Amino acid sequence: SWINASRAKIDRENWFLVVELILVRGVEIYMYYYVVPENRIITWIERVNGYLLFQECTTVWHWNHKRLELEAQYWKHVEYFPHGIDVHLPEVRALRVQLNWYRVGECLTLQSLIQIN
């Protein structure tokens, strides 16, 4: 089956395969991605057109920004499908610090916009 062949290609037991059946013009298509807990990202085993995924990154071309989008999609997956994914206390603390830095950055950007106007 396709699932077994896909898993054989990656040979990673700790990656989670997520498959979604969608209909496109009456044709069944299986969309998929892998969840990679140790890197906190999602990925694919074939080349993927990332237009829809990275559409918010239109002015940012640096890989770190795109990696952040893959990590955001990972956390979205964890939010919707938490089964089998452990989030340990040090990770929670690190995320809290990271989110606080984003909040500080947003506040500084907002303040500078207010001063300009």
Protein backbone atom coordinates (compact mmCIF):
# COMPACT_ATOMS: atom_id res chain seq x y z
CA SER A 1 0.00 0.00 0.00
CA TRP A 2 1.02 3.63 -0.42
CA ILE A 3 1.26 4.13 3.35
CA ASN A 4 3.71 1.25 3.79
CA ALA A 5 5.78 2.39 0.81
CA SER A 6 5.89 5.94 2.16
CA ARG A 7 6.99 4.81 5.60
CA ALA A 8 9.64 2.53 4.08
CA LYS A 9 11.15 5.53 2.27
CA ILE A 10 11.77 7.48 5.45
CA ASP A 11 12.61 4.61 7.83
CA ARG A 12 11.70 6.77 10.84
CA GLU A 13 9.51 5.22 13.51
CA ASN A 14 8.94 8.43 15.44
CA TRP A 15 7.51 10.42 12.51
CA PHE A 16 3.69 10.51 12.33
CA LEU A 17 2.03 10.18 8.94
CA VAL A 18 -1.12 12.28 8.51
CA VAL A 19 -3.32 11.52 5.49
CA GLU A 20 -6.44 13.39 4.42
CA LEU A 21 -8.77 12.32 1.63
CA ILE A 22 -10.13 15.23 -0.42
CA LEU A 23 -12.24 15.38 -3.57
CA VAL A 24 -10.96 17.51 -6.44
CA ARG A 25 -13.39 17.69 -9.37
CA GLY A 26 -14.79 14.32 -8.39
CA VAL A 27 -11.38 12.65 -8.10
CA GLU A 28 -10.15 11.33 -4.75
CA ILE A 29 -6.75 12.73 -3.79
CA TYR A 30 -4.82 11.85 -0.67
CA MET A 31 -3.06 14.84 0.88
CA TYR A 32 -0.40 13.98 3.43
CA TYR A 33 2.38 15.30 5.60
CA TYR A 34 4.70 13.89 8.24
CA VAL A 35 4.93 15.28 11.75
CA VAL A 36 8.52 15.33 13.03
CA PRO A 37 8.36 15.75 16.82
CA GLU A 38 12.13 15.91 17.45
CA ASN A 39 12.44 18.94 15.12
CA ARG A 40 8.96 20.35 15.80
CA ILE A 41 8.11 20.68 12.10
CA ILE A 42 6.00 19.06 9.43
CA THR A 43 7.55 17.73 6.22
CA TRP A 44 6.97 15.70 3.06
CA ILE A 45 9.06 13.05 1.34
CA GLU A 46 8.48 14.46 -2.15
CA ARG A 47 8.95 17.98 -3.43
CA VAL A 48 5.90 20.06 -2.54
CA ASN A 49 4.71 23.35 -3.98
CA GLY A 50 4.77 25.47 -0.84
CA TYR A 51 2.80 28.39 -2.29
CA LEU A 52 -0.23 27.99 -0.03
CA LEU A 53 1.84 27.14 3.03
CA PHE A 54 4.25 30.05 2.62
CA GLN A 55 1.86 32.64 1.17
CA GLU A 56 2.23 34.79 4.30
CA CYS A 57 6.02 34.78 3.79
CA THR A 58 5.89 36.62 0.45
CA THR A 59 8.44 39.29 1.41
CA VAL A 60 10.60 37.00 3.52
CA TRP A 61 12.91 34.63 1.67
CA HIS A 62 15.21 33.55 4.48
CA TRP A 63 14.97 29.87 5.41
CA ASN A 64 14.57 30.64 9.15
CA HIS A 65 11.25 32.38 8.48
CA LYS A 66 9.99 29.47 6.41
CA ARG A 67 11.15 27.04 9.10
CA LEU A 68 9.09 29.03 11.62
CA GLU A 69 6.05 28.48 9.40
CA LEU A 70 6.72 24.73 9.37
CA GLU A 71 7.02 24.84 13.15
CA ALA A 72 3.76 26.81 13.39
CA GLN A 73 2.06 24.10 11.34
CA TYR A 74 3.56 21.50 13.71
CA TRP A 75 1.99 23.24 16.73
CA LYS A 76 -1.30 23.54 14.85
CA HIS A 77 -1.20 19.77 14.33
CA VAL A 78 -0.43 19.23 18.03
CA GLU A 79 -3.38 21.45 18.95
CA TYR A 80 -5.80 19.48 16.76
CA PHE A 81 -4.29 16.00 17.20
CA PRO A 82 -2.39 15.83 20.51
CA HIS A 83 -2.42 12.01 20.73
CA GLY A 84 1.04 10.47 20.82
CA ILE A 85 2.99 13.73 21.15
CA ASP A 86 4.60 14.55 24.46
CA VAL A 87 5.40 18.16 25.32
CA HIS A 88 7.75 18.29 28.28
CA LEU A 89 8.00 21.12 30.81
CA PRO A 90 11.32 22.51 29.46
CA GLU A 91 9.72 22.81 25.99
CA VAL A 92 6.73 24.64 27.48
CA ARG A 93 9.06 27.05 29.27
CA ALA A 94 11.11 27.66 26.11
CA LEU A 95 7.93 28.30 24.11
CA ARG A 96 6.71 30.75 26.73
CA VAL A 97 9.97 32.71 26.46
CA GLN A 98 9.78 32.66 22.65
CA LEU A 99 6.17 33.87 22.65
CA ASN A 100 7.04 36.67 25.07
CA TRP A 101 9.76 37.85 22.67
CA TYR A 102 7.22 37.90 19.81
CA ARG A 103 4.87 39.93 21.98
CA VAL A 104 7.65 42.42 22.81
CA GLY A 105 8.49 42.70 19.11
CA GLU A 106 4.86 43.35 18.21
CA CYS A 107 4.58 46.02 20.92
CA LEU A 108 7.71 47.78 19.67
CA THR A 109 6.45 47.67 16.08
CA LEU A 110 3.07 49.04 17.16
CA GLN A 111 4.70 51.83 19.16
CA SER A 112 6.86 52.86 16.21
CA LEU A 113 3.79 52.91 13.93
CA ILE A 114 1.89 55.08 16.42
CA GLN A 115 4.82 57.52 16.63
CA ILE A 116 4.99 57.80 12.83
CA ASN A 117 1.32 58.72 12.58
